[in-house]
Amino acid sequence: MTLRRLGLSALCLSLTLGGTTAVATPPTQHLPLGPDNLTETRDTRALQPGVTLTTIVRGQTDTKAGWTVEIAIPSSSPDPDAPAAAISDQAGANKAADKLRAAGLEPRVEDVPTPRLADAGGGSLGYRVRLGLFANKADADALRTKVIAAGLSGSSIYTGWDGEPDDIAGSTGPWHVQVLTIDPKKFRGTLDATYGSDIEQRETTSTLATLTGATAAINAGFFVLDPKSGAPGDPAGVGVYDGRLVSEPTNGRPALVLGPRGTSVDRFTWRGSVQGAGKALPLDGLNRVPGLIRNCGGTADDLPTAKPMHDTTCTDADELIAFDESYGVATPSGPGAEVVLDRRGVVTAIRTATRGGAIPEGGRTVQAIGNLVAPLLAAARVGRPLTVRSTLLDERGRPVPLSRRTTIVNGGPELVRDGRIHATAAADGMVQDTASFYYGWVHKRNPRTIAGVDDHGRTVLITADGRNVNSLGLSISEAAAVAKSFHLTEAINLDGGGSTTMVADGKVLNTPSDATGERPVGDALVITK
């Protein structure tokens, strides 16, 4: 199969600096990270006409930061299988601290204030329990063994990764941020999205850059990682490539749109159907394993919720899923039924004993599980047409026109709207039953990938390294502030963590945080000449 790519005309941000420069940035122009008086350097160079790369280094190692042991606080739930948590109420934190003191250790119970976002945060997130503060991880690991001996567990973490507000934390960095920019007045190349040869395989961002001959690239949307959650590489949300909708949206979540009208951040829903003999049957999804909905946000009968729920896999025992060649060599196997269609939409085969098999060239298949098996079989007849329809809808429920120059990749949360910070963690599924998920994913600093459009119609692609002592990463609050500092009018958080990668001229520019190095991802944004 050929590599999937999208054409997009001149979009993105330009810093309009030719050649290479390295300067200390005046306070009025610095990143909104740490105290105003931190040293910041910016190195800018042209990659191709209209495309620039800016590398920003801000701050220096914080002398107050160090390695500590953060306790996994046992749950107070009567459920014996309830997991331990990094954040608890004060009573739970005190109980864990008392157990450590009884073992001769000296814990501290800390209140965790968290910044206010558009629909979440503010005030106290809860309480954590920590022990020690060391210059190196080895000493924290040694203390952690004593914690385990006392009957608790925990992790060795660097306090510079904390996401408390600056007036409390006072971090001095350092931060390493890379910015890709494209000036529509000068740019004559394309900004494409690619998932490689098919959805069901993951490739590194650098591999996708090489395969497309890209000048530069960054990782893009969230995707399935664990086979228990679906097909690894499958977009965990909307995916439009070459103007084709190949992955349905996580209903209501934001996505990055690149198209003939420019760059924007929009929210989507969708509808799909299969029409054969009898009435139309509603589709549940596109090009994903039936019964598994990564990041949720599907139909009303999904469990545990039909709302977006980040890093959660919802389930549905009764689903109808359509596949095309973008998915992979063969569709998922398992109990159920599958109808095979040729390029004209005519049924050529019906798989009733089990589902799973090859997708015909130019054709597609439709799989059913559970209570939808019988309706699908009743609708399909060999030699007769079976019509598959899928339509992307905007927030108002209106069909979204798609052309071959339309790219849409999933993300969340939204960071900036109408030029104002607008981080929507709750609406986008990052506020969950336990405060620990929000603490780790939203509140704490992590590697981040950000995309948006500025007040001159230029698109900005940003990566920030994290999870190491040489670059602290960004909280979601800080990511929104960084996006706004580039005068973005709309911005979105893309996949981050170990996925965060920026490539230029065939080299990985940042330091991916996975111990194994650069992570294979679901898709990437690539800039070509």
Protein backbone atom coordinates (compact mmCIF):
# COMPACT_ATOMS: atom_id res chain seq x y z
CA MET A 1 0.00 0.00 0.00
CA THR A 2 1.17 3.51 -0.65
CA LEU A 3 2.01 5.96 2.08
CA ARG A 4 -0.98 8.09 3.12
CA ARG A 5 -0.24 11.81 2.88
CA LEU A 6 -2.19 15.05 2.87
CA GLY A 7 -1.55 18.17 0.86
CA LEU A 8 -2.03 21.51 2.58
CA SER A 9 -1.18 24.88 1.16
CA ALA A 10 0.80 27.56 2.88
CA LEU A 11 -0.03 27.54 6.56
CA CYS A 12 1.97 27.99 9.79
CA LEU A 13 3.96 30.54 11.80
CA SER A 14 7.04 32.51 10.77
CA LEU A 15 9.49 34.33 13.00
CA THR A 16 10.91 36.04 9.88
CA LEU A 17 14.53 35.74 10.97
CA GLY A 18 16.97 34.66 8.31
CA GLY A 19 20.05 32.57 8.97
CA THR A 20 20.93 31.56 12.50
CA THR A 21 20.90 33.78 15.55
CA ALA A 22 21.32 33.13 19.25
CA VAL A 23 20.34 35.93 21.57
CA ALA A 24 19.41 36.47 25.19
CA THR A 25 15.74 37.41 25.11
CA PRO A 26 14.55 40.60 26.81
CA PRO A 27 12.11 40.00 29.67
CA THR A 28 9.14 41.32 27.66
CA GLN A 29 9.60 38.53 25.10
CA HIS A 30 10.42 35.53 27.25
CA LEU A 31 8.40 32.36 27.72
CA PRO A 32 5.96 32.67 30.64
CA LEU A 33 7.86 30.08 32.69
CA GLY A 34 9.50 30.79 36.03
CA PRO A 35 10.64 34.21 37.29
CA ASP A 36 10.96 37.05 34.80
CA ASN A 37 14.71 37.42 35.32
CA LEU A 38 15.69 33.95 34.07
CA THR A 39 18.17 33.75 31.20
CA GLU A 40 16.61 32.73 27.91
CA THR A 41 18.24 32.11 24.53
CA ARG A 42 16.55 31.69 21.17
CA ASP A 43 18.29 30.19 18.16
CA THR A 44 16.42 30.59 14.86
CA ARG A 45 17.26 29.19 11.45
CA ALA A 46 15.47 28.77 8.12
CA LEU A 47 14.69 25.21 7.05
CA GLN A 48 13.18 26.09 3.67
CA PRO A 49 11.52 29.20 2.23
CA GLY A 50 8.85 30.28 4.67
CA VAL A 51 9.74 27.66 7.29
CA THR A 52 11.79 28.44 10.39
CA LEU A 53 12.88 26.48 13.43
CA THR A 54 13.40 28.22 16.76
CA THR A 55 15.07 26.51 19.70
CA ILE A 56 14.45 28.13 23.08
CA VAL A 57 16.37 27.35 26.27
CA ARG A 58 15.09 29.07 29.37
CA GLY A 59 16.36 29.08 32.94
CA GLN A 60 18.84 26.90 34.78
CA THR A 61 18.82 24.02 37.24
CA ASP A 62 16.74 24.85 40.27
CA THR A 63 18.88 24.63 43.40
CA LYS A 64 15.74 23.98 45.48
CA ALA A 65 14.67 20.99 43.38
CA GLY A 66 15.73 17.44 44.04
CA TRP A 67 14.73 13.78 44.09
CA THR A 68 12.09 12.63 46.55
CA VAL A 69 9.98 9.54 47.21
CA GLU A 70 6.27 10.05 46.54
CA ILE A 71 4.04 7.53 48.29
CA ALA A 72 1.21 5.57 46.70
CA ILE A 73 -1.46 6.23 49.32
CA PRO A 74 -3.70 3.21 50.00
CA SER A 75 -7.37 3.74 49.17
CA SER A 76 -9.90 4.18 51.94
CA SER A 77 -12.50 2.39 49.78
CA PRO A 78 -14.01 -0.83 51.15
CA ASP A 79 -13.15 -2.41 47.77
CA PRO A 80 -9.97 -4.48 48.38
CA ASP A 81 -8.99 -4.02 44.73
CA ALA A 82 -9.16 -0.20 44.84
CA PRO A 83 -5.78 1.13 43.63
CA ALA A 84 -3.40 3.26 45.64
CA ALA A 85 -3.19 6.91 44.63
CA ALA A 86 -0.65 9.72 44.57
CA ILE A 87 -3.28 12.18 45.79
CA SER A 88 -5.71 11.58 48.66
CA ASP A 89 -7.79 13.45 51.17
CA GLN A 90 -5.99 14.68 54.27
CA ALA A 91 -7.15 11.76 56.43
CA GLY A 92 -5.83 9.19 53.96
CA ALA A 93 -2.53 11.02 53.60
CA ASN A 94 -2.11 11.30 57.39
CA LYS A 95 -2.85 7.60 57.82
CA ALA A 96 -0.12 6.67 55.31
CA ALA A 97 2.29 9.11 56.95
CA ASP A 98 1.62 7.61 60.39
CA LYS A 99 2.47 4.15 59.05
CA LEU A 100 5.81 5.47 57.77
CA ARG A 101 6.57 7.20 61.07
CA ALA A 102 5.90 3.94 62.90
CA ALA A 103 8.66 2.42 60.76
CA GLY A 104 11.08 5.14 61.82
CA LEU A 105 10.78 7.24 58.66
CA GLU A 106 10.10 10.98 58.39
CA PRO A 107 7.37 11.70 55.85
CA ARG A 108 5.82 15.05 55.07
CA VAL A 109 2.18 15.58 54.13
CA GLU A 110 1.82 18.29 51.48
CA ASP A 111 -1.25 20.15 50.30
CA VAL A 112 -1.23 20.41 46.47
CA PRO A 113 -2.65 23.68 45.10
CA THR A 114 -3.44 23.51 41.40
CA PRO A 115 -3.93 26.34 38.87
CA ARG A 116 -7.43 27.18 37.74
CA LEU A 117 -8.28 26.12 34.17
CA ALA A 118 -11.35 27.03 32.13
CA ASP A 119 -13.44 24.20 33.57
CA ALA A 120 -11.30 22.49 36.21
CA GLY A 121 -8.64 23.00 38.84
CA GLY A 122 -8.25 25.85 41.27
CA GLY A 123 -7.83 25.50 45.02
CA SER A 124 -6.47 22.31 46.54
CA LEU A 125 -6.20 19.14 44.47
CA GLY A 126 -5.64 17.03 47.60
CA TYR A 127 -2.73 15.81 49.70
CA ARG A 128 0.40 13.83 48.86
CA VAL A 129 2.97 12.13 51.07
CA ARG A 130 6.69 12.46 50.36
CA LEU A 131 9.99 11.57 52.01
CA GLY A 132 13.48 12.99 51.60
CA LEU A 133 15.05 15.42 49.15
CA PHE A 134 18.26 14.34 47.43
CA ALA A 135 20.62 15.57 44.77
CA ASN A 136 20.47 12.28 42.88
CA LYS A 137 17.92 9.57 42.11
CA ALA A 138 20.02 6.77 43.59
CA ASP A 139 19.61 8.14 47.12
CA ALA A 140 15.85 8.45 46.61
CA ASP A 141 15.73 4.87 45.33
CA ALA A 142 17.55 3.70 48.46
CA LEU A 143 14.94 5.42 50.64
CA ARG A 144 12.19 3.89 48.54
CA THR A 145 13.35 0.39 49.56
CA LYS A 146 12.71 1.37 53.18
CA VAL A 147 9.23 2.55 52.23
CA ILE A 148 8.52 -0.83 50.65
CA ALA A 149 9.81 -2.58 53.77
CA ALA A 150 7.33 -0.50 55.78
CA GLY A 151 4.48 -1.96 53.71
CA LEU A 152 3.85 0.89 51.26
CA SER A 153 4.97 1.64 47.71
CA GLY A 154 6.06 4.78 45.95
CA SER A 155 8.11 6.33 43.17
CA SER A 156 11.33 8.33 43.00
CA ILE A 157 10.46 11.61 41.31
CA TYR A 158 12.12 14.96 40.65
CA THR A 159 10.38 17.86 42.38
CA GLY A 160 11.08 20.13 39.41
CA TRP A 161 8.28 18.24 37.63
CA ASP A 162 5.70 19.58 40.08
CA GLY A 163 3.02 21.74 38.54
CA GLU A 164 2.17 24.05 41.40
CA PRO A 165 1.75 27.74 40.47
CA ASP A 166 4.99 29.71 40.11
CA ASP A 167 4.25 31.91 43.11
CA ILE A 168 4.38 28.72 45.19
CA ALA A 169 6.84 26.47 43.35
CA GLY A 170 9.14 29.21 42.01
CA SER A 171 10.88 26.86 39.55
CA THR A 172 13.87 28.19 37.66
CA GLY A 173 13.89 25.49 34.97
CA PRO A 174 15.50 24.63 32.73
CA TRP A 175 13.05 24.32 29.83
CA HIS A 176 13.84 23.27 26.26
CA VAL A 177 11.22 24.30 23.69
CA GLN A 178 11.29 23.87 19.90
CA VAL A 179 9.04 25.85 17.56
CA LEU A 180 8.38 25.07 13.88
CA THR A 181 6.91 27.96 11.93
CA ILE A 182 5.64 28.52 8.41
CA ASP A 183 4.90 31.87 6.81
CA PRO A 184 2.01 31.59 4.30
CA LYS A 185 3.43 34.56 2.38
CA LYS A 186 6.62 32.66 1.61
CA PHE A 187 5.79 28.98 2.04
CA ARG A 188 5.13 26.98 -1.13
CA GLY A 189 5.37 23.48 0.29
CA THR A 190 2.82 21.29 2.05
CA LEU A 191 1.94 20.51 5.64
CA ASP A 192 0.70 16.93 5.63
CA ALA A 193 -0.58 14.36 8.08
CA THR A 194 0.60 10.80 7.60
CA TYR A 195 0.03 7.53 9.41
CA GLY A 196 2.42 5.56 7.24
CA SER A 197 1.37 2.57 5.16
CA ASP A 198 -1.70 1.79 7.27
CA ILE A 199 -3.37 2.60 10.57
CA GLU A 200 -2.57 -0.70 12.25
CA GLN A 201 1.18 -0.11 12.32
CA ARG A 202 3.12 2.45 14.32
CA GLU A 203 6.23 4.23 13.07
CA THR A 204 8.47 6.78 14.71
CA THR A 205 8.08 10.41 13.75
CA SER A 206 11.55 10.34 12.19
CA THR A 207 10.59 7.32 10.07
CA LEU A 208 7.43 9.05 8.86
CA ALA A 209 9.53 12.12 8.05
CA THR A 210 11.94 10.01 6.02
CA LEU A 211 9.16 8.18 4.17
CA THR A 212 7.55 11.47 3.12
CA GLY A 213 10.81 13.31 2.41
CA ALA A 214 9.85 15.87 5.03
CA THR A 215 11.99 18.85 5.93
CA ALA A 216 10.52 18.73 9.43
CA ALA A 217 7.90 16.82 11.40
CA ILE A 218 6.25 16.51 14.79
CA ASN A 219 4.13 13.78 16.35
CA ALA A 220 0.40 14.36 16.10
CA GLY A 221 -2.72 12.78 17.64
CA PHE A 222 -3.44 10.30 20.43
CA PHE A 223 -3.50 6.65 19.41
CA VAL A 224 -4.04 3.14 20.73
CA LEU A 225 -0.89 1.78 22.37
CA ASP A 226 -2.02 -1.36 24.21
CA PRO A 227 -3.49 -4.23 22.10
CA LYS A 228 -6.03 -4.71 24.89
CA SER A 229 -7.46 -1.30 23.91
CA GLY A 230 -7.68 -1.93 20.18
CA ALA A 231 -5.29 -1.94 17.25
CA PRO A 232 -1.98 -0.25 18.19
CA GLY A 233 -1.58 2.83 16.00
CA ASP A 234 -5.30 3.43 15.52
CA PRO A 235 -6.12 7.13 16.10
CA ALA A 236 -7.88 7.53 19.48
CA GLY A 237 -10.22 10.12 18.03
CA VAL A 238 -10.90 11.79 14.72
CA GLY A 239 -8.60 11.29 11.77
CA VAL A 240 -9.04 12.82 8.30
CA TYR A 241 -6.34 12.19 5.68
CA ASP A 242 -6.55 13.18 2.00
CA GLY A 243 -9.98 14.51 2.87
CA ARG A 244 -11.16 11.01 3.90
CA LEU A 245 -12.62 10.36 7.32
CA VAL A 246 -10.85 7.17 8.43
CA SER A 247 -11.35 7.42 12.21
CA GLU A 248 -14.48 8.72 13.94
CA PRO A 249 -14.20 11.53 16.49
CA THR A 250 -14.25 11.21 20.23
CA ASN A 251 -17.56 13.04 20.25
CA GLY A 252 -17.21 16.65 21.33
CA ARG A 253 -13.42 16.68 21.76
CA PRO A 254 -11.26 19.24 19.94
CA ALA A 255 -9.10 18.51 16.93
CA LEU A 256 -6.53 20.35 14.83
CA VAL A 257 -7.85 21.21 11.36
CA LEU A 258 -5.56 22.07 8.46
CA GLY A 259 -7.33 22.90 5.25
CA PRO A 260 -7.95 25.29 2.37
CA ARG A 261 -9.40 27.89 4.74
CA GLY A 262 -6.44 27.80 7.09
CA THR A 263 -5.72 26.28 10.48
CA SER A 264 -8.25 26.03 13.27
CA VAL A 265 -9.19 24.08 16.38
CA ASP A 266 -12.72 22.68 16.16
CA ARG A 267 -14.92 20.13 17.91
CA PHE A 268 -16.66 17.33 16.03
CA THR A 269 -19.27 14.61 16.19
CA TRP A 270 -20.27 12.26 13.38
CA ARG A 271 -22.89 9.90 12.04
CA GLY A 272 -22.57 6.76 9.96
CA SER A 273 -24.88 4.14 8.54
CA VAL A 274 -25.05 0.93 6.52
CA GLN A 275 -27.94 0.55 4.06
CA GLY A 276 -28.80 -2.70 2.36
CA ALA A 277 -32.02 -4.66 2.37
CA GLY A 278 -34.39 -3.06 4.86
CA LYS A 279 -33.80 -0.01 7.02
CA ALA A 280 -30.43 1.66 7.54
CA LEU A 281 -28.29 0.42 10.44
CA PRO A 282 -26.27 2.96 12.48
CA LEU A 283 -22.49 2.62 12.44
CA ASP A 284 -20.57 2.74 15.73
CA GLY A 285 -17.11 3.43 14.34
CA LEU A 286 -14.53 3.34 11.56
CA ASN A 287 -11.36 1.27 11.24
CA ARG A 288 -11.10 0.11 14.86
CA VAL A 289 -11.51 -3.11 16.81
CA PRO A 290 -15.23 -3.64 17.47
CA GLY A 291 -16.22 -3.30 21.12
CA LEU A 292 -13.24 -1.13 22.16
CA ILE A 293 -13.50 2.67 22.16
CA ARG A 294 -10.24 4.34 23.20
CA ASN A 295 -10.78 7.66 24.98
CA CYS A 296 -14.52 6.84 24.98
CA GLY A 297 -16.89 9.53 23.65
CA GLY A 298 -18.91 7.10 21.55
CA THR A 299 -22.56 6.04 21.61
CA ALA A 300 -25.07 6.07 24.47
CA ASP A 301 -24.74 2.34 25.16
CA ASP A 302 -20.95 2.42 25.68
CA LEU A 303 -19.64 1.53 29.13
CA PRO A 304 -18.77 3.11 31.49
CA THR A 305 -19.62 6.36 29.69
CA ALA A 306 -20.48 7.94 26.36
CA LYS A 307 -18.57 11.07 27.36
CA PRO A 308 -14.88 11.63 26.54
CA MET A 309 -12.64 9.93 29.11
CA HIS A 310 -8.96 10.27 28.36
CA ASP A 311 -6.69 7.21 28.50
CA THR A 312 -9.74 5.03 29.20
CA THR A 313 -11.04 2.27 26.93
CA CYS A 314 -14.82 2.08 26.92
CA THR A 315 -16.59 -1.05 25.73
CA ASP A 316 -19.73 -1.94 23.77
CA ALA A 317 -20.80 -5.55 23.20
CA ASP A 318 -23.00 -4.63 20.22
CA GLU A 319 -21.22 -2.70 17.47
CA LEU A 320 -21.11 -2.18 13.73
CA ILE A 321 -17.70 -1.05 12.40
CA ALA A 322 -16.73 -0.22 8.80
CA PHE A 323 -13.21 -0.77 7.46
CA ASP A 324 -11.32 0.34 4.36
CA GLU A 325 -7.78 -0.21 3.09
CA SER A 326 -6.38 2.42 5.42
CA TYR A 327 -6.80 0.01 8.34
CA GLY A 328 -4.22 -2.62 7.39
CA VAL A 329 -3.66 -5.94 5.69
CA ALA A 330 -6.53 -7.70 7.47
CA THR A 331 -9.45 -6.73 9.67
CA PRO A 332 -9.64 -7.80 13.35
CA SER A 333 -10.59 -11.42 13.94
CA GLY A 334 -13.06 -12.77 16.48
CA PRO A 335 -16.67 -13.78 17.03
CA GLY A 336 -19.26 -12.01 14.92
CA ALA A 337 -19.87 -11.53 11.23
CA GLU A 338 -18.32 -9.55 8.37
CA VAL A 339 -19.56 -8.42 4.97
CA VAL A 340 -17.00 -7.86 2.19
CA LEU A 341 -17.63 -5.17 -0.46
CA ASP A 342 -15.83 -4.51 -3.73
CA ARG A 343 -14.92 -1.04 -4.95
CA ARG A 344 -18.48 -0.59 -6.30
CA GLY A 345 -19.99 -1.37 -2.90
CA VAL A 346 -21.33 -4.74 -4.04
CA VAL A 347 -21.25 -7.61 -1.52
CA THR A 348 -18.77 -10.27 -2.66
CA ALA A 349 -18.59 -12.43 0.47
CA ILE A 350 -20.18 -12.84 3.89
CA ARG A 351 -18.09 -14.21 6.75
CA THR A 352 -20.45 -15.78 9.27
CA ALA A 353 -18.38 -18.29 11.27
CA THR A 354 -15.99 -15.60 12.39
CA ARG A 355 -14.92 -12.12 11.37
CA GLY A 356 -11.49 -11.05 10.14
CA GLY A 357 -9.74 -11.24 6.81
CA ALA A 358 -8.37 -9.33 3.84
CA ILE A 359 -9.84 -6.03 2.67
CA PRO A 360 -10.29 -6.01 -1.12
CA GLU A 361 -8.32 -3.43 -3.07
CA GLY A 362 -10.44 -0.29 -3.29
CA GLY A 363 -13.20 -1.98 -1.33
CA ARG A 364 -14.18 -2.27 2.30
CA THR A 365 -15.78 -4.52 4.89
CA VAL A 366 -18.35 -4.13 7.64
CA GLN A 367 -18.07 -6.09 10.90
CA ALA A 368 -20.79 -6.76 13.47
CA ILE A 369 -20.60 -8.13 16.99
CA GLY A 370 -23.23 -9.04 19.56
CA ASN A 371 -26.84 -8.14 18.82
CA LEU A 372 -25.93 -6.42 15.56
CA VAL A 373 -24.78 -9.61 13.82
CA ALA A 374 -28.30 -10.65 12.81
CA PRO A 375 -29.32 -7.20 11.47
CA LEU A 376 -26.14 -6.98 9.38
CA LEU A 377 -26.68 -10.45 7.90
CA ALA A 378 -30.29 -9.59 7.14
CA ALA A 379 -29.20 -6.43 5.29
CA ALA A 380 -26.47 -8.07 3.16
CA ARG A 381 -26.94 -10.20 0.04
CA VAL A 382 -24.09 -11.47 -2.15
CA GLY A 383 -24.22 -9.65 -5.47
CA ARG A 384 -26.30 -6.79 -4.08
CA PRO A 385 -25.06 -3.33 -3.01
CA LEU A 386 -24.49 -2.37 0.61
CA THR A 387 -24.04 1.37 1.07
CA VAL A 388 -21.72 2.66 3.81
CA ARG A 389 -22.03 6.33 4.73
CA SER A 390 -20.09 8.40 7.24
CA THR A 391 -20.34 12.15 7.78
CA LEU A 392 -18.29 14.41 9.99
CA LEU A 393 -20.38 17.00 11.83
CA ASP A 394 -19.44 20.30 13.43
CA GLU A 395 -20.51 21.42 16.90
CA ARG A 396 -23.89 22.49 15.55
CA GLY A 397 -24.50 19.14 13.87
CA ARG A 398 -23.86 20.44 10.35
CA PRO A 399 -21.92 18.33 7.81
CA VAL A 400 -18.27 19.38 7.47
CA PRO A 401 -17.10 19.73 3.85
CA LEU A 402 -13.91 17.74 3.23
CA SER A 403 -11.56 18.19 0.29
CA ARG A 404 -8.32 16.43 -0.57
CA ARG A 405 -6.52 19.32 1.12
CA THR A 406 -8.24 18.72 4.47
CA THR A 407 -6.29 17.25 7.38
CA ILE A 408 -7.76 16.68 10.83
CA VAL A 409 -5.86 15.08 13.73
CA ASN A 410 -7.22 14.50 17.21
CA GLY A 411 -6.00 16.12 20.41
CA GLY A 412 -7.03 17.65 23.70
CA PRO A 413 -7.46 19.56 25.79
CA GLU A 414 -8.08 22.82 24.01
CA LEU A 415 -5.58 25.44 25.23
CA VAL A 416 -6.45 28.80 23.66
CA ARG A 417 -9.70 30.13 22.20
CA ASP A 418 -10.24 33.58 20.67
CA GLY A 419 -6.77 34.63 21.80
CA ARG A 420 -7.46 33.83 25.46
CA ILE A 421 -6.25 30.94 27.58
CA HIS A 422 -9.04 28.38 27.59
CA ALA A 423 -7.83 24.98 28.83
CA THR A 424 -10.78 22.57 28.90
CA ALA A 425 -9.56 19.57 30.88
CA ALA A 426 -13.00 18.57 32.19
CA ALA A 427 -14.82 18.79 28.85
CA ASP A 428 -12.09 16.74 27.18
CA GLY A 429 -12.04 13.86 29.67
CA MET A 430 -9.02 14.61 31.85
CA VAL A 431 -11.06 15.05 35.05
CA GLN A 432 -11.84 11.57 36.35
CA ASP A 433 -13.02 9.79 39.48
CA THR A 434 -9.68 10.04 41.24
CA ALA A 435 -7.59 13.19 41.60
CA SER A 436 -4.45 11.19 40.84
CA PHE A 437 -5.12 11.06 37.09
CA TYR A 438 -5.55 14.83 36.92
CA TYR A 439 -2.47 15.24 39.14
CA GLY A 440 -0.24 13.18 36.86
CA TRP A 441 -1.67 14.16 33.47
CA VAL A 442 -2.82 17.77 33.81
CA HIS A 443 -1.21 19.25 36.92
CA LYS A 444 2.32 17.88 36.67
CA ARG A 445 4.91 18.83 34.09
CA ASN A 446 5.30 16.45 31.17
CA PRO A 447 6.66 16.55 27.62
CA ARG A 448 4.05 18.33 25.48
CA THR A 449 3.28 18.84 21.79
CA ILE A 450 1.19 21.91 20.93
CA ALA A 451 -0.29 23.23 17.69
CA GLY A 452 -2.26 26.32 16.78
CA VAL A 453 -2.71 29.42 14.66
CA ASP A 454 -1.67 32.97 15.50
CA ASP A 455 -3.32 36.35 14.97
CA HIS A 456 -1.70 36.64 11.51
CA GLY A 457 -3.03 33.28 10.30
CA ARG A 458 0.30 31.51 10.79
CA THR A 459 0.41 28.00 12.24
CA VAL A 460 2.70 27.15 15.16
CA LEU A 461 3.99 23.66 16.00
CA ILE A 462 5.68 23.40 19.40
CA THR A 463 7.39 20.66 21.40
CA ALA A 464 8.62 20.93 24.97
CA ASP A 465 10.89 18.29 26.44
CA GLY A 466 10.17 16.91 29.90
CA ARG A 467 10.64 14.10 32.43
CA ASN A 468 14.33 14.81 32.83
CA VAL A 469 16.33 17.18 35.00
CA ASN A 470 17.57 19.12 31.96
CA SER A 471 14.07 20.06 30.82
CA LEU A 472 11.15 20.08 33.22
CA GLY A 473 8.27 19.90 30.76
CA LEU A 474 4.97 21.78 31.01
CA SER A 475 1.77 21.41 32.95
CA ILE A 476 -1.41 21.94 30.93
CA SER A 477 -1.71 25.39 32.51
CA GLU A 478 1.84 26.20 31.41
CA ALA A 479 1.24 24.74 27.93
CA ALA A 480 -1.69 27.12 27.50
CA ALA A 481 0.40 30.08 28.68
CA VAL A 482 3.24 29.15 26.29
CA ALA A 483 0.76 28.89 23.40
CA LYS A 484 -0.65 32.32 24.20
CA SER A 485 2.86 33.80 24.40
CA PHE A 486 3.18 33.11 20.66
CA HIS A 487 -0.01 35.15 20.11
CA LEU A 488 -1.99 32.07 19.17
CA THR A 489 -5.69 32.72 18.77
CA GLU A 490 -6.50 28.99 18.78
CA ALA A 491 -4.35 26.18 20.19
CA ILE A 492 -4.62 22.53 21.15
CA ASN A 493 -2.57 20.02 23.08
CA LEU A 494 -1.60 17.06 20.88
CA ASP A 495 -0.22 13.72 22.10
CA GLY A 496 2.69 14.25 24.47
CA GLY A 497 4.72 12.32 27.00
CA GLY A 498 6.98 9.78 25.33
CA SER A 499 5.37 10.58 21.96
CA THR A 500 6.63 14.18 21.89
CA THR A 501 9.13 14.38 19.04
CA MET A 502 10.38 17.01 16.62
CA VAL A 503 12.46 16.15 13.56
CA ALA A 504 14.26 18.51 11.16
CA ASP A 505 16.68 17.75 8.33
CA GLY A 506 16.63 14.05 9.20
CA LYS A 507 17.54 14.50 12.87
CA VAL A 508 15.52 14.19 16.05
CA LEU A 509 15.95 17.61 17.64
CA ASN A 510 14.50 17.03 21.09
CA THR A 511 15.08 14.34 23.72
CA PRO A 512 12.14 11.90 23.75
CA SER A 513 11.40 10.81 27.31
CA ASP A 514 10.95 7.04 26.86
CA ALA A 515 13.90 5.03 28.18
CA THR A 516 13.96 3.14 24.87
CA GLY A 517 14.24 6.35 22.86
CA GLU A 518 11.91 7.65 20.17
CA ARG A 519 8.43 6.16 20.46
CA PRO A 520 6.55 4.76 17.44
CA VAL A 521 3.38 6.85 17.06
CA GLY A 522 0.05 6.71 15.25
CA ASP A 523 0.51 9.70 12.96
CA ALA A 524 2.65 12.78 12.42
CA LEU A 525 2.50 16.23 10.88
CA VAL A 526 5.14 16.58 8.16
CA ILE A 527 6.37 19.65 6.29
CA THR A 528 7.57 19.02 2.75
CA LYS A 529 8.90 21.22 -0.05
